[in-house]
Amino acid sequence: MIKFNDRSVRKIVVVATVFLAAAIVLYGVGLFVLDESYRQYSRTTQQRQFVLGDEWHDADLKIIREFEKRHSLDPEANGGLRLVLSEWPRWRYKISLDRRLDGTAKGAIYAIAYDGTGPAYERSFSLSKGQAKLFLDVFDRKVGRYRGEAFQCVDGTGFMFERWRERAVVGGSGNAACMSHYADLMSLVAETLSGSLSDAPFDWGTWFAVKRVLELRD
């Protein structure tokens, strides 16, 4: 029969406590690392999202610039916004927006059915000085220092953006179907542009039917 004196008991308790504390710390560190590894995919960064020769055709910077050239747009030089949206399984979109010297904005949208069939929809649009300021102010406030979501999801509505100001860029990408941050951005875009795209074959009304981002302003 093993006998324990008070000193032995105290030693066992101390060792067990240290072991338990170390396990809790390691578990917490592991959760933090996992959390940050997920967040890096959807956080706002000071990096381009669209590059030449991207394996995804919609995000190929060459294709985007050809689209912008047709509408005399240059967000990099003038300050503005680039968006590539994939609303699975319905539509895919490219949107570019320039901020003009007088405070107004000019933009264009290219939309095509998700499977690539049927005619494409391509239009120019404009925003008044007040509309442009409100839209970009809300957009900038929402994407600024956004840390990203601590999870990933695949199917839904992909949302990629580049926001250009004075030739500096911030960008990000996420899923508007399962990430509230990107759902807000999609609602903001839909709410702002729907009035200018009355002949569009797609319907963005559901994106802001419940939550009107421009009215909430936060």
Protein backbone atom coordinates (compact mmCIF):
# COMPACT_ATOMS: atom_id res chain seq x y z
CA MET A 1 0.00 0.00 0.00
CA ILE A 2 1.42 3.36 -1.05
CA LYS A 3 1.36 6.09 1.56
CA PHE A 4 1.46 9.80 0.73
CA ASN A 5 2.64 12.44 3.12
CA ASP A 6 1.52 16.07 2.93
CA ARG A 7 4.59 17.07 0.95
CA SER A 8 3.97 14.39 -1.70
CA VAL A 9 0.33 15.39 -2.02
CA ARG A 10 1.24 19.05 -2.45
CA LYS A 11 3.81 18.13 -5.09
CA ILE A 12 1.27 16.07 -7.03
CA VAL A 13 -1.26 18.90 -6.86
CA VAL A 14 1.31 21.43 -8.08
CA VAL A 15 2.42 19.23 -10.98
CA ALA A 16 -1.18 18.52 -11.97
CA THR A 17 -2.05 22.22 -11.80
CA VAL A 18 0.94 23.20 -13.94
CA PHE A 19 0.11 20.49 -16.46
CA LEU A 20 -3.53 21.59 -16.64
CA ALA A 21 -2.56 25.25 -17.02
CA ALA A 22 -0.10 24.39 -19.80
CA ALA A 23 -2.77 22.35 -21.59
CA ILE A 24 -5.24 25.24 -21.37
CA VAL A 25 -2.66 27.71 -22.70
CA LEU A 26 -1.72 25.41 -25.59
CA TYR A 27 -5.38 24.88 -26.42
CA GLY A 28 -5.98 28.64 -26.42
CA VAL A 29 -2.94 29.27 -28.61
CA GLY A 30 -4.12 26.57 -31.00
CA LEU A 31 -7.56 28.15 -31.27
CA PHE A 32 -6.00 31.58 -31.86
CA VAL A 33 -3.72 30.27 -34.61
CA LEU A 34 -6.62 28.45 -36.27
CA ASP A 35 -8.80 31.56 -35.95
CA GLU A 36 -6.15 33.79 -37.55
CA SER A 37 -5.46 31.26 -40.32
CA TYR A 38 -9.12 31.50 -41.35
CA ARG A 39 -9.29 35.29 -41.00
CA GLN A 40 -6.41 35.87 -43.41
CA TYR A 41 -8.58 34.75 -46.33
CA SER A 42 -11.29 37.39 -45.89
CA ARG A 43 -9.66 40.32 -44.08
CA THR A 44 -9.01 43.69 -45.68
CA THR A 45 -5.40 43.92 -46.88
CA GLN A 46 -3.22 46.46 -48.65
CA GLN A 47 -2.86 44.17 -51.64
CA ARG A 48 -4.25 43.78 -55.14
CA GLN A 49 -6.91 41.16 -55.62
CA PHE A 50 -6.73 41.06 -59.43
CA VAL A 51 -3.54 40.10 -61.26
CA LEU A 52 -2.52 39.49 -64.85
CA GLY A 53 -3.11 35.93 -65.94
CA ASP A 54 -5.25 34.96 -62.94
CA GLU A 55 -6.41 31.36 -63.31
CA TRP A 56 -9.98 32.56 -62.74
CA HIS A 57 -10.95 34.37 -65.94
CA ASP A 58 -13.23 36.91 -64.22
CA ALA A 59 -10.39 38.08 -61.96
CA ASP A 60 -7.79 38.39 -64.75
CA LEU A 61 -6.57 41.99 -64.62
CA LYS A 62 -6.12 42.01 -68.41
CA ILE A 63 -9.81 41.19 -68.91
CA ILE A 64 -10.83 43.78 -66.32
CA ARG A 65 -8.71 46.50 -67.94
CA GLU A 66 -10.14 45.72 -71.38
CA PHE A 67 -13.62 46.14 -69.91
CA GLU A 68 -12.59 49.43 -68.26
CA LYS A 69 -11.02 50.71 -71.47
CA ARG A 70 -14.32 50.27 -73.33
CA HIS A 71 -15.90 52.69 -70.85
CA SER A 72 -12.94 55.08 -70.37
CA LEU A 73 -12.46 54.04 -66.75
CA ASP A 74 -9.23 53.86 -64.75
CA PRO A 75 -9.82 53.37 -61.00
CA GLU A 76 -6.10 53.02 -60.32
CA ALA A 77 -5.28 56.46 -61.70
CA ASN A 78 -8.47 58.32 -60.82
CA GLY A 79 -9.40 56.67 -57.55
CA GLY A 80 -12.36 54.34 -57.45
CA LEU A 81 -13.45 50.77 -57.06
CA ARG A 82 -13.20 47.41 -58.81
CA LEU A 83 -15.58 44.57 -58.02
CA VAL A 84 -15.85 40.99 -59.23
CA LEU A 85 -18.94 39.19 -57.95
CA SER A 86 -20.05 35.60 -58.52
CA GLU A 87 -23.67 35.08 -57.50
CA TRP A 88 -23.84 31.30 -57.81
CA PRO A 89 -25.73 29.79 -59.57
CA ARG A 90 -27.25 32.82 -61.29
CA TRP A 91 -24.91 35.62 -62.46
CA ARG A 92 -21.30 36.78 -62.56
CA TYR A 93 -20.44 40.49 -62.56
CA LYS A 94 -17.57 42.88 -63.16
CA ILE A 95 -18.03 46.45 -61.93
CA SER A 96 -15.64 49.40 -62.14
CA LEU A 97 -16.18 52.87 -60.75
CA ASP A 98 -14.18 56.11 -61.17
CA ARG A 99 -14.41 59.12 -58.89
CA ARG A 100 -14.41 62.30 -61.02
CA LEU A 101 -12.82 65.65 -60.19
CA ASP A 102 -16.22 67.26 -59.61
CA GLY A 103 -17.10 64.62 -57.00
CA THR A 104 -19.44 62.61 -59.21
CA ALA A 105 -18.67 59.05 -60.25
CA LYS A 106 -18.83 57.13 -63.50
CA GLY A 107 -18.96 53.38 -63.70
CA ALA A 108 -19.80 50.34 -65.77
CA ILE A 109 -21.08 46.83 -65.16
CA TYR A 110 -20.65 43.62 -67.14
CA ALA A 111 -22.92 40.71 -66.21
CA ILE A 112 -23.30 37.27 -67.69
CA ALA A 113 -25.23 34.16 -66.67
CA TYR A 114 -23.16 31.99 -64.33
CA ASP A 115 -22.84 29.16 -66.84
CA GLY A 116 -21.78 31.58 -69.59
CA THR A 117 -24.87 31.06 -71.73
CA GLY A 118 -27.09 33.79 -73.12
CA PRO A 119 -26.25 37.40 -73.99
CA ALA A 120 -24.09 39.50 -71.69
CA TYR A 121 -25.45 42.65 -70.06
CA GLU A 122 -23.09 45.64 -70.21
CA ARG A 123 -23.98 49.19 -69.23
CA SER A 124 -22.43 52.47 -68.13
CA PHE A 125 -23.91 54.32 -65.17
CA SER A 126 -23.25 57.47 -63.18
CA LEU A 127 -23.64 58.61 -59.59
CA SER A 128 -24.30 62.16 -58.49
CA LYS A 129 -21.86 63.89 -56.16
CA GLY A 130 -24.05 63.10 -53.16
CA GLN A 131 -24.58 59.47 -54.19
CA ALA A 132 -20.88 58.90 -54.86
CA LYS A 133 -19.80 60.42 -51.55
CA LEU A 134 -22.33 58.44 -49.53
CA PHE A 135 -21.56 55.17 -51.30
CA LEU A 136 -17.77 55.42 -51.03
CA ASP A 137 -17.81 56.81 -47.49
CA VAL A 138 -19.91 53.89 -46.27
CA PHE A 139 -17.83 51.40 -48.26
CA ASP A 140 -14.54 52.77 -46.88
CA ARG A 141 -15.82 52.75 -43.32
CA LYS A 142 -16.96 49.14 -43.62
CA VAL A 143 -13.77 47.73 -45.15
CA GLY A 144 -11.31 49.74 -43.07
CA ARG A 145 -9.28 47.49 -40.75
CA TYR A 146 -11.71 44.59 -41.19
CA ARG A 147 -10.09 41.53 -39.53
CA GLY A 148 -11.86 38.82 -41.51
CA GLU A 149 -14.16 35.97 -40.53
CA ALA A 150 -12.97 33.07 -38.38
CA PHE A 151 -14.43 30.50 -40.79
CA GLN A 152 -14.65 29.70 -44.48
CA CYS A 153 -17.49 28.71 -46.78
CA VAL A 154 -17.47 27.71 -50.43
CA ASP A 155 -20.75 28.03 -52.35
CA GLY A 156 -22.67 31.29 -52.40
CA THR A 157 -21.83 34.78 -53.62
CA GLY A 158 -18.14 35.52 -53.99
CA PHE A 159 -17.23 39.17 -53.47
CA MET A 160 -13.80 40.54 -54.45
CA PHE A 161 -12.85 44.21 -54.39
CA GLU A 162 -10.04 46.69 -54.91
CA ARG A 163 -10.52 50.18 -53.51
CA TRP A 164 -8.08 52.68 -55.05
CA ARG A 165 -7.18 56.10 -53.62
CA GLU A 166 -4.15 58.14 -54.68
CA ARG A 167 -2.73 55.02 -56.38
CA ALA A 168 -2.82 53.07 -53.11
CA VAL A 169 -5.03 50.02 -52.82
CA VAL A 170 -6.88 48.05 -50.18
CA GLY A 171 -8.63 44.87 -51.15
CA GLY A 172 -10.40 41.81 -49.89
CA SER A 173 -12.50 38.82 -50.82
CA GLY A 174 -15.18 36.80 -49.07
CA ASN A 175 -18.59 35.19 -49.39
CA ALA A 176 -21.69 37.35 -49.13
CA ALA A 177 -23.90 34.30 -48.64
CA CYS A 178 -22.43 33.37 -45.25
CA MET A 179 -20.28 36.32 -44.09
CA SER A 180 -22.26 39.25 -42.74
CA HIS A 181 -19.51 41.75 -43.59
CA TYR A 182 -19.54 40.84 -47.29
CA ALA A 183 -23.34 40.56 -47.27
CA ASP A 184 -23.39 44.20 -46.12
CA LEU A 185 -21.04 45.19 -48.94
CA MET A 186 -23.20 43.35 -51.48
CA SER A 187 -26.28 45.08 -50.09
CA LEU A 188 -24.51 48.43 -50.35
CA VAL A 189 -23.62 47.85 -54.01
CA ALA A 190 -27.10 46.56 -54.85
CA GLU A 191 -28.87 49.39 -53.06
CA THR A 192 -26.70 52.03 -54.75
CA LEU A 193 -26.76 50.72 -58.31
CA SER A 194 -30.20 49.13 -58.70
CA GLY A 195 -31.81 52.44 -59.62
CA SER A 196 -29.32 52.93 -62.46
CA LEU A 197 -29.84 49.42 -63.85
CA SER A 198 -33.61 49.33 -64.34
CA ASP A 199 -33.30 47.24 -67.51
CA ALA A 200 -31.06 44.61 -65.92
CA PRO A 201 -32.03 40.95 -66.39
CA PHE A 202 -31.06 40.20 -62.78
CA ASP A 203 -32.75 41.30 -59.55
CA TRP A 204 -30.68 42.63 -56.66
CA GLY A 205 -33.70 43.72 -54.63
CA THR A 206 -33.45 40.80 -52.22
CA TRP A 207 -29.99 41.91 -51.11
CA PHE A 208 -31.32 45.02 -49.40
CA ALA A 209 -34.98 44.11 -48.80
CA VAL A 210 -34.34 43.54 -45.09
CA LYS A 211 -31.29 45.67 -44.28
CA ARG A 212 -30.75 48.97 -46.07
CA VAL A 213 -27.04 49.63 -45.56
CA LEU A 214 -27.08 53.21 -46.80
CA GLU A 215 -29.68 54.08 -44.19
CA LEU A 216 -27.80 52.38 -41.36
CA ARG A 217 -24.48 54.02 -42.29
CA ASP A 218 -22.43 51.71 -40.07
